[in-house]
């Protein structure tokens, strides 16, 4: 079995961006937290994450740092879902 076979899966997954934003209190609170930690992001910018279904890596890392600083659990696995799946 080659390396490419060993890591291949038929499951397509994506980050549940809506759930991530909800975890941090919603659009406005998420924007405030980001600004508090030096990242100037508007509510509209965060809404675009949800519409695109994509949070830029730098912002995702910032959210993880915010969670750690606030003593809030943030496990990326909690926000991964199969593509097309609904909660």
PDB file of N, CA and C in Angstrom:
ATOM      1  N   UNK A   1       0.843  -1.174   0.000  1.00  0.00           N
ATOM      2  CA  UNK A   1       0.000   0.000   0.000  1.00  0.00           C
ATOM      3  C   UNK A   1       0.891   1.242   0.000  1.00  0.00           C
ATOM      4  N   UNK A   2       0.721   2.115  -0.974  1.00  0.00           N
ATOM      5  CA  UNK A   2       1.509   3.341  -1.054  1.00  0.00           C
ATOM      6  C   UNK A   2       0.997   4.393  -0.086  1.00  0.00           C
ATOM      7  N   UNK A   3       1.800   5.414   0.157  1.00  0.00           N
ATOM      8  CA  UNK A   3       1.406   6.489   1.063  1.00  0.00           C
ATOM      9  C   UNK A   3       0.105   7.141   0.653  1.00  0.00           C
ATOM     10  N   UNK A   4      -0.057   7.349  -0.657  1.00  0.00           N
ATOM     11  CA  UNK A   4      -1.271   8.018  -1.113  1.00  0.00           C
ATOM     12  C   UNK A   4      -2.510   7.185  -0.835  1.00  0.00           C
ATOM     13  N   UNK A   5      -2.406   5.863  -0.847  1.00  0.00           N
ATOM     14  CA  UNK A   5      -3.536   4.990  -0.547  1.00  0.00           C
ATOM     15  C   UNK A   5      -3.850   4.980   0.945  1.00  0.00           C
ATOM     16  N   UNK A   6      -2.830   5.030   1.746  1.00  0.00           N
ATOM     17  CA  UNK A   6      -2.997   4.939   3.190  1.00  0.00           C
ATOM     18  C   UNK A   6      -3.768   6.126   3.763  1.00  0.00           C
ATOM     19  N   UNK A   7      -3.655   7.290   3.145  1.00  0.00           N
ATOM     20  CA  UNK A   7      -4.281   8.500   3.678  1.00  0.00           C
ATOM     21  C   UNK A   7      -5.530   8.906   2.914  1.00  0.00           C
ATOM     22  N   UNK A   8      -5.926   8.153   1.942  1.00  0.00           N
ATOM     23  CA  UNK A   8      -7.086   8.516   1.134  1.00  0.00           C
ATOM     24  C   UNK A   8      -8.370   8.103   1.837  1.00  0.00           C
ATOM     25  N   UNK A   9      -9.339   8.940   1.751  1.00  0.00           N
ATOM     26  CA  UNK A   9     -10.653   8.622   2.304  1.00  0.00           C
ATOM     27  C   UNK A   9     -11.712   9.122   1.342  1.00  0.00           C
ATOM     28  N   UNK A  10     -12.836   8.481   1.338  1.00  0.00           N
ATOM     29  CA  UNK A  10     -13.938   8.915   0.484  1.00  0.00           C
ATOM     30  C   UNK A  10     -14.817   9.937   1.179  1.00  0.00           C
ATOM     31  N   UNK A  11     -14.536  10.229   2.423  1.00  0.00           N
ATOM     32  CA  UNK A  11     -15.331  11.192   3.173  1.00  0.00           C
ATOM     33  C   UNK A  11     -14.816  12.596   2.880  1.00  0.00           C
ATOM     34  N   UNK A  12     -15.718  13.450   2.431  1.00  0.00           N
ATOM     35  CA  UNK A  12     -15.362  14.844   2.201  1.00  0.00           C
ATOM     36  C   UNK A  12     -15.851  15.652   3.392  1.00  0.00           C
ATOM     37  N   UNK A  13     -14.950  16.397   4.003  1.00  0.00           N
ATOM     38  CA  UNK A  13     -15.298  17.158   5.198  1.00  0.00           C
ATOM     39  C   UNK A  13     -15.077  18.649   4.964  1.00  0.00           C
ATOM     40  N   UNK A  14     -15.716  19.426   5.829  1.00  0.00           N
ATOM     41  CA  UNK A  14     -15.558  20.872   5.782  1.00  0.00           C
ATOM     42  C   UNK A  14     -15.694  21.425   7.194  1.00  0.00           C
ATOM     43  N   UNK A  15     -15.229  22.632   7.380  1.00  0.00           N
ATOM     44  CA  UNK A  15     -15.357  23.327   8.646  1.00  0.00           C
ATOM     45  C   UNK A  15     -16.744  23.940   8.723  1.00  0.00           C
ATOM     46  N   UNK A  16     -17.435  23.720   9.820  1.00  0.00           N
ATOM     47  CA  UNK A  16     -18.756  24.324  10.032  1.00  0.00           C
ATOM     48  C   UNK A  16     -18.540  25.740  10.557  1.00  0.00           C
ATOM     49  N   UNK A  17     -18.371  26.670   9.639  1.00  0.00           N
ATOM     50  CA  UNK A  17     -18.054  28.054   9.995  1.00  0.00           C
ATOM     51  C   UNK A  17     -19.163  28.700  10.823  1.00  0.00           C
ATOM     52  N   UNK A  18     -20.406  28.350  10.532  1.00  0.00           N
ATOM     53  CA  UNK A  18     -21.534  28.889  11.296  1.00  0.00           C
ATOM     54  C   UNK A  18     -21.395  28.494  12.757  1.00  0.00           C
ATOM     55  N   UNK A  19     -21.042  27.228  13.011  1.00  0.00           N
ATOM     56  CA  UNK A  19     -20.902  26.744  14.381  1.00  0.00           C
ATOM     57  C   UNK A  19     -19.725  27.413  15.089  1.00  0.00           C
ATOM     58  N   UNK A  20     -18.641  27.655  14.370  1.00  0.00           N
ATOM     59  CA  UNK A  20     -17.484  28.335  14.970  1.00  0.00           C
ATOM     60  C   UNK A  20     -17.891  29.731  15.436  1.00  0.00           C
ATOM     61  N   UNK A  21     -18.569  30.469  14.578  1.00  0.00           N
ATOM     62  CA  UNK A  21     -18.991  31.831  14.924  1.00  0.00           C
ATOM     63  C   UNK A  21     -19.962  31.793  16.110  1.00  0.00           C
ATOM     64  N   UNK A  22     -20.894  30.857  16.102  1.00  0.00           N
ATOM     65  CA  UNK A  22     -21.832  30.716  17.235  1.00  0.00           C
ATOM     66  C   UNK A  22     -21.074  30.397  18.528  1.00  0.00           C
ATOM     67  N   UNK A  23     -20.045  29.572  18.435  1.00  0.00           N
ATOM     68  CA  UNK A  23     -19.246  29.193  19.600  1.00  0.00           C
ATOM     69  C   UNK A  23     -18.635  30.423  20.271  1.00  0.00           C
ATOM     70  N   UNK A  24     -18.302  31.412  19.478  1.00  0.00           N
ATOM     71  CA  UNK A  24     -17.705  32.639  19.999  1.00  0.00           C
ATOM     72  C   UNK A  24     -18.732  33.731  20.252  1.00  0.00           C
ATOM     73  N   UNK A  25     -20.009  33.365  20.283  1.00  0.00           N
ATOM     74  CA  UNK A  25     -21.051  34.309  20.691  1.00  0.00           C
ATOM     75  C   UNK A  25     -21.802  34.996  19.575  1.00  0.00           C
ATOM     76  N   UNK A  26     -21.571  34.606  18.344  1.00  0.00           N
ATOM     77  CA  UNK A  26     -22.271  35.230  17.224  1.00  0.00           C
ATOM     78  C   UNK A  26     -21.400  36.249  16.510  1.00  0.00           C
ATOM     79  N   UNK A  27     -21.978  36.849  15.495  1.00  0.00           N
ATOM     80  CA  UNK A  27     -21.226  37.771  14.631  1.00  0.00           C
ATOM     81  C   UNK A  27     -20.622  38.950  15.392  1.00  0.00           C
ATOM     82  N   UNK A  28     -21.457  39.697  16.117  1.00  0.00           N
ATOM     83  CA  UNK A  28     -20.982  40.916  16.777  1.00  0.00           C
ATOM     84  C   UNK A  28     -19.947  40.601  17.856  1.00  0.00           C
ATOM     85  N   UNK A  29     -20.210  39.585  18.666  1.00  0.00           N
ATOM     86  CA  UNK A  29     -19.273  39.255  19.736  1.00  0.00           C
ATOM     87  C   UNK A  29     -17.961  38.722  19.160  1.00  0.00           C
ATOM     88  N   UNK A  30     -18.045  37.931  18.119  1.00  0.00           N
ATOM     89  CA  UNK A  30     -16.839  37.408  17.474  1.00  0.00           C
ATOM     90  C   UNK A  30     -15.993  38.572  16.935  1.00  0.00           C
ATOM     91  N   UNK A  31     -16.646  39.545  16.319  1.00  0.00           N
ATOM     92  CA  UNK A  31     -15.949  40.724  15.804  1.00  0.00           C
ATOM     93  C   UNK A  31     -15.285  41.499  16.945  1.00  0.00           C
ATOM     94  N   UNK A  32     -16.004  41.682  18.045  1.00  0.00           N
ATOM     95  CA  UNK A  32     -15.435  42.391  19.206  1.00  0.00           C
ATOM     96  C   UNK A  32     -14.224  41.654  19.771  1.00  0.00           C
ATOM     97  N   UNK A  33     -14.334  40.331  19.880  1.00  0.00           N
ATOM     98  CA  UNK A  33     -13.212  39.546  20.402  1.00  0.00           C
ATOM     99  C   UNK A  33     -11.991  39.664  19.492  1.00  0.00           C
ATOM    100  N   UNK A  34     -12.211  39.602  18.200  1.00  0.00           N
ATOM    101  CA  UNK A  34     -11.086  39.726  17.264  1.00  0.00           C
ATOM    102  C   UNK A  34     -10.422  41.093  17.417  1.00  0.00           C
ATOM    103  N   UNK A  35     -11.230  42.147  17.516  1.00  0.00           N
ATOM    104  CA  UNK A  35     -10.669  43.497  17.695  1.00  0.00           C
ATOM    105  C   UNK A  35      -9.910  43.601  19.010  1.00  0.00           C
ATOM    106  N   UNK A  36     -10.457  42.977  20.060  1.00  0.00           N
ATOM    107  CA  UNK A  36      -9.799  42.974  21.373  1.00  0.00           C
ATOM    108  C   UNK A  36      -8.406  42.345  21.296  1.00  0.00           C
ATOM    109  N   UNK A  37      -8.242  41.410  20.364  1.00  0.00           N
ATOM    110  CA  UNK A  37      -6.958  40.725  20.209  1.00  0.00           C
ATOM    111  C   UNK A  37      -6.159  41.271  19.022  1.00  0.00           C
ATOM    112  N   UNK A  38      -6.502  42.481  18.573  1.00  0.00           N
ATOM    113  CA  UNK A  38      -5.681  43.179  17.592  1.00  0.00           C
ATOM    114  C   UNK A  38      -5.993  42.907  16.133  1.00  0.00           C
ATOM    115  N   UNK A  39      -7.081  42.188  15.857  1.00  0.00           N
ATOM    116  CA  UNK A  39      -7.468  41.911  14.472  1.00  0.00           C
ATOM    117  C   UNK A  39      -8.739  42.705  14.179  1.00  0.00           C
ATOM    118  N   UNK A  40      -8.625  43.703  13.322  1.00  0.00           N
ATOM    119  CA  UNK A  40      -9.762  44.588  13.036  1.00  0.00           C
ATOM    120  C   UNK A  40     -10.655  43.963  11.963  1.00  0.00           C
ATOM    121  N   UNK A  41     -11.647  43.209  12.408  1.00  0.00           N
ATOM    122  CA  UNK A  41     -12.585  42.575  11.486  1.00  0.00           C
ATOM    123  C   UNK A  41     -13.997  43.037  11.788  1.00  0.00           C
ATOM    124  N   UNK A  42     -14.683  43.466  10.759  1.00  0.00           N
ATOM    125  CA  UNK A  42     -16.060  43.910  10.927  1.00  0.00           C
ATOM    126  C   UNK A  42     -16.997  42.705  10.994  1.00  0.00           C
ATOM    127  N   UNK A  43     -18.210  42.965  11.424  1.00  0.00           N
ATOM    128  CA  UNK A  43     -19.249  41.936  11.433  1.00  0.00           C
ATOM    129  C   UNK A  43     -19.445  41.411  10.015  1.00  0.00           C
ATOM    130  N   UNK A  44     -19.414  42.307   9.036  1.00  0.00           N
ATOM    131  CA  UNK A  44     -19.595  41.899   7.634  1.00  0.00           C
ATOM    132  C   UNK A  44     -18.487  40.948   7.182  1.00  0.00           C
ATOM    133  N   UNK A  45     -17.262  41.207   7.616  1.00  0.00           N
ATOM    134  CA  UNK A  45     -16.144  40.322   7.241  1.00  0.00           C
ATOM    135  C   UNK A  45     -16.364  38.922   7.804  1.00  0.00           C
ATOM    136  N   UNK A  46     -16.837  38.847   9.029  1.00  0.00           N
ATOM    137  CA  UNK A  46     -17.090  37.542   9.648  1.00  0.00           C
ATOM    138  C   UNK A  46     -18.278  36.864   8.983  1.00  0.00           C
ATOM    139  N   UNK A  47     -19.272  37.632   8.605  1.00  0.00           N
ATOM    140  CA  UNK A  47     -20.418  37.068   7.865  1.00  0.00           C
ATOM    141  C   UNK A  47     -19.936  36.453   6.546  1.00  0.00           C
ATOM    142  N   UNK A  48     -18.942  37.048   5.924  1.00  0.00           N
ATOM    143  CA  UNK A  48     -18.398  36.508   4.673  1.00  0.00           C
ATOM    144  C   UNK A  48     -17.760  35.141   4.895  1.00  0.00           C
ATOM    145  N   UNK A  49     -17.159  34.914   6.071  1.00  0.00           N
ATOM    146  CA  UNK A  49     -16.627  33.573   6.370  1.00  0.00           C
ATOM    147  C   UNK A  49     -17.756  32.564   6.243  1.00  0.00           C
ATOM    148  N   UNK A  50     -18.874  32.912   6.855  1.00  0.00           N
ATOM    149  CA  UNK A  50     -20.002  31.983   6.886  1.00  0.00           C
ATOM    150  C   UNK A  50     -20.562  31.763   5.473  1.00  0.00           C
ATOM    151  N   UNK A  51     -20.668  32.832   4.716  1.00  0.00           N
ATOM    152  CA  UNK A  51     -21.201  32.689   3.354  1.00  0.00           C
ATOM    153  C   UNK A  51     -20.270  31.883   2.464  1.00  0.00           C
ATOM    154  N   UNK A  52     -18.966  32.079   2.618  1.00  0.00           N
ATOM    155  CA  UNK A  52     -17.973  31.349   1.810  1.00  0.00           C
ATOM    156  C   UNK A  52     -17.709  29.955   2.356  1.00  0.00           C
ATOM    157  N   UNK A  53     -18.163  29.724   3.599  1.00  0.00           N
ATOM    158  CA  UNK A  53     -17.888  28.457   4.288  1.00  0.00           C
ATOM    159  C   UNK A  53     -16.381  28.237   4.430  1.00  0.00           C
ATOM    160  N   UNK A  54     -15.696  29.324   4.790  1.00  0.00           N
ATOM    161  CA  UNK A  54     -14.241  29.269   4.900  1.00  0.00           C
ATOM    162  C   UNK A  54     -13.765  30.352   5.865  1.00  0.00           C
ATOM    163  N   UNK A  55     -13.016  29.938   6.868  1.00  0.00           N
ATOM    164  CA  UNK A  55     -12.371  30.896   7.767  1.00  0.00           C
ATOM    165  C   UNK A  55     -10.881  30.861   7.445  1.00  0.00           C
ATOM    166  N   UNK A  56     -10.309  32.020   7.086  1.00  0.00           N
ATOM    167  CA  UNK A  56      -8.876  32.039   6.790  1.00  0.00           C
ATOM    168  C   UNK A  56      -8.064  31.474   7.954  1.00  0.00           C
ATOM    169  N   UNK A  57      -7.015  30.760   7.637  1.00  0.00           N
ATOM    170  CA  UNK A  57      -6.206  30.086   8.652  1.00  0.00           C
ATOM    171  C   UNK A  57      -5.725  31.048   9.733  1.00  0.00           C
ATOM    172  N   UNK A  58      -5.259  32.219   9.360  1.00  0.00           N
ATOM    173  CA  UNK A  58      -4.756  33.179  10.352  1.00  0.00           C
ATOM    174  C   UNK A  58      -5.846  33.558  11.347  1.00  0.00           C
ATOM    175  N   UNK A  59      -7.073  33.735  10.876  1.00  0.00           N
ATOM    176  CA  UNK A  59      -8.165  34.087  11.772  1.00  0.00           C
ATOM    177  C   UNK A  59      -8.582  32.894  12.627  1.00  0.00           C
ATOM    178  N   UNK A  60      -8.526  31.690  12.065  1.00  0.00           N
ATOM    179  CA  UNK A  60      -8.857  30.494  12.831  1.00  0.00           C
ATOM    180  C   UNK A  60      -7.851  30.296  13.967  1.00  0.00           C
ATOM    181  N   UNK A  61      -6.589  30.537  13.679  1.00  0.00           N
ATOM    182  CA  UNK A  61      -5.550  30.448  14.713  1.00  0.00           C
ATOM    183  C   UNK A  61      -5.773  31.523  15.779  1.00  0.00           C
ATOM    184  N   UNK A  62      -6.159  32.714  15.362  1.00  0.00           N
ATOM    185  CA  UNK A  62      -6.463  33.779  16.322  1.00  0.00           C
ATOM    186  C   UNK A  62      -7.625  33.375  17.218  1.00  0.00           C
ATOM    187  N   UNK A  63      -8.664  32.773  16.638  1.00  0.00           N
ATOM    188  CA  UNK A  63      -9.790  32.313  17.443  1.00  0.00           C
ATOM    189  C   UNK A  63      -9.347  31.267  18.467  1.00  0.00           C
ATOM    190  N   UNK A  64      -8.456  30.380  18.064  1.00  0.00           N
ATOM    191  CA  UNK A  64      -7.931  29.380  19.000  1.00  0.00           C
ATOM    192  C   UNK A  64      -7.174  30.069  20.140  1.00  0.00           C
ATOM    193  N   UNK A  65      -6.394  31.089  19.821  1.00  0.00           N
ATOM    194  CA  UNK A  65      -5.652  31.827  20.842  1.00  0.00           C
ATOM    195  C   UNK A  65      -6.610  32.579  21.770  1.00  0.00           C
ATOM    196  N   UNK A  66      -7.663  33.141  21.211  1.00  0.00           N
ATOM    197  CA  UNK A  66      -8.671  33.836  22.015  1.00  0.00           C
ATOM    198  C   UNK A  66      -9.319  32.855  22.988  1.00  0.00           C
ATOM    199  N   UNK A  67      -9.683  31.693  22.485  1.00  0.00           N
ATOM    200  CA  UNK A  67     -10.313  30.680  23.338  1.00  0.00           C
ATOM    201  C   UNK A  67      -9.376  30.305  24.490  1.00  0.00           C
ATOM    202  N   UNK A  68      -8.119  30.088  24.184  1.00  0.00           N
ATOM    203  CA  UNK A  68      -7.147  29.731  25.229  1.00  0.00           C
ATOM    204  C   UNK A  68      -7.041  30.860  26.259  1.00  0.00           C
ATOM    205  N   UNK A  69      -6.931  32.100  25.783  1.00  0.00           N
ATOM    206  CA  UNK A  69      -6.798  33.242  26.691  1.00  0.00           C
ATOM    207  C   UNK A  69      -8.031  33.412  27.570  1.00  0.00           C
ATOM    208  N   UNK A  70      -9.193  33.071  27.037  1.00  0.00           N
ATOM    209  CA  UNK A  70     -10.456  33.206  27.774  1.00  0.00           C
ATOM    210  C   UNK A  70     -10.785  31.955  28.590  1.00  0.00           C
ATOM    211  N   UNK A  71      -9.977  30.916  28.457  1.00  0.00           N
ATOM    212  CA  UNK A  71     -10.234  29.684  29.188  1.00  0.00           C
ATOM    213  C   UNK A  71     -11.423  28.899  28.646  1.00  0.00           C
ATOM    214  N   UNK A  72     -11.661  29.053  27.347  1.00  0.00           N
ATOM    215  CA  UNK A  72     -12.790  28.390  26.690  1.00  0.00           C
ATOM    216  C   UNK A  72     -12.261  27.234  25.847  1.00  0.00           C
ATOM    217  N   UNK A  73     -12.914  26.096  25.935  1.00  0.00           N
ATOM    218  CA  UNK A  73     -12.530  24.941  25.125  1.00  0.00           C
ATOM    219  C   UNK A  73     -12.801  25.249  23.647  1.00  0.00           C
ATOM    220  N   UNK A  74     -11.818  24.947  22.809  1.00  0.00           N
ATOM    221  CA  UNK A  74     -11.991  25.113  21.362  1.00  0.00           C
ATOM    222  C   UNK A  74     -11.240  23.982  20.682  1.00  0.00           C
ATOM    223  N   UNK A  75     -11.984  22.967  20.286  1.00  0.00           N
ATOM    224  CA  UNK A  75     -11.414  21.794  19.633  1.00  0.00           C
ATOM    225  C   UNK A  75     -11.916  21.779  18.196  1.00  0.00           C
ATOM    226  N   UNK A  76     -11.009  21.918  17.261  1.00  0.00           N
ATOM    227  CA  UNK A  76     -11.374  22.021  15.844  1.00  0.00           C
ATOM    228  C   UNK A  76     -12.216  20.832  15.388  1.00  0.00           C
ATOM    229  N   UNK A  77     -11.990  19.671  15.985  1.00  0.00           N
ATOM    230  CA  UNK A  77     -12.754  18.486  15.593  1.00  0.00           C
ATOM    231  C   UNK A  77     -14.250  18.648  15.853  1.00  0.00           C
ATOM    232  N   UNK A  78     -14.593  19.488  16.820  1.00  0.00           N
ATOM    233  CA  UNK A  78     -16.011  19.729  17.111  1.00  0.00           C
ATOM    234  C   UNK A  78     -16.723  20.465  15.974  1.00  0.00           C
ATOM    235  N   UNK A  79     -15.960  21.057  15.076  1.00  0.00           N
ATOM    236  CA  UNK A  79     -16.532  21.894  14.023  1.00  0.00           C
ATOM    237  C   UNK A  79     -16.330  21.324  12.620  1.00  0.00           C
ATOM    238  N   UNK A  80     -15.868  20.096  12.553  1.00  0.00           N
ATOM    239  CA  UNK A  80     -15.694  19.431  11.265  1.00  0.00           C
ATOM    240  C   UNK A  80     -16.902  18.555  11.007  1.00  0.00           C
ATOM    241  N   UNK A  81     -17.436  18.675   9.797  1.00  0.00           N
ATOM    242  CA  UNK A  81     -18.592  17.871   9.442  1.00  0.00           C
ATOM    243  C   UNK A  81     -18.421  17.369   8.013  1.00  0.00           C
ATOM    244  N   UNK A  82     -19.184  16.353   7.674  1.00  0.00           N
ATOM    245  CA  UNK A  82     -19.174  15.871   6.306  1.00  0.00           C
ATOM    246  C   UNK A  82     -19.768  16.933   5.404  1.00  0.00           C
ATOM    247  N   UNK A  83     -19.194  17.115   4.228  1.00  0.00           N
ATOM    248  CA  UNK A  83     -19.720  18.089   3.274  1.00  0.00           C
ATOM    249  C   UNK A  83     -21.170  17.747   2.950  1.00  0.00           C
ATOM    250  N   UNK A  84     -21.993  18.775   2.963  1.00  0.00           N
ATOM    251  CA  UNK A  84     -23.395  18.593   2.627  1.00  0.00           C
ATOM    252  C   UNK A  84     -24.251  18.148   3.798  1.00  0.00           C
ATOM    253  N   UNK A  85     -23.619  17.775   4.904  1.00  0.00           N
ATOM    254  CA  UNK A  85     -24.395  17.339   6.080  1.00  0.00           C
ATOM    255  C   UNK A  85     -24.975  18.545   6.782  1.00  0.00           C
ATOM    256  N   UNK A  86     -26.140  18.391   7.347  1.00  0.00           N
ATOM    257  CA  UNK A  86     -26.751  19.466   8.121  1.00  0.00           C
ATOM    258  C   UNK A  86     -26.865  19.017   9.559  1.00  0.00           C
ATOM    259  N   UNK A  87     -26.883  19.988  10.451  1.00  0.00           N
ATOM    260  CA  UNK A  87     -26.994  19.654  11.887  1.00  0.00           C
ATOM    261  C   UNK A  87     -28.404  19.855  12.347  1.00  0.00           C
TER     262      UNK A  87
END
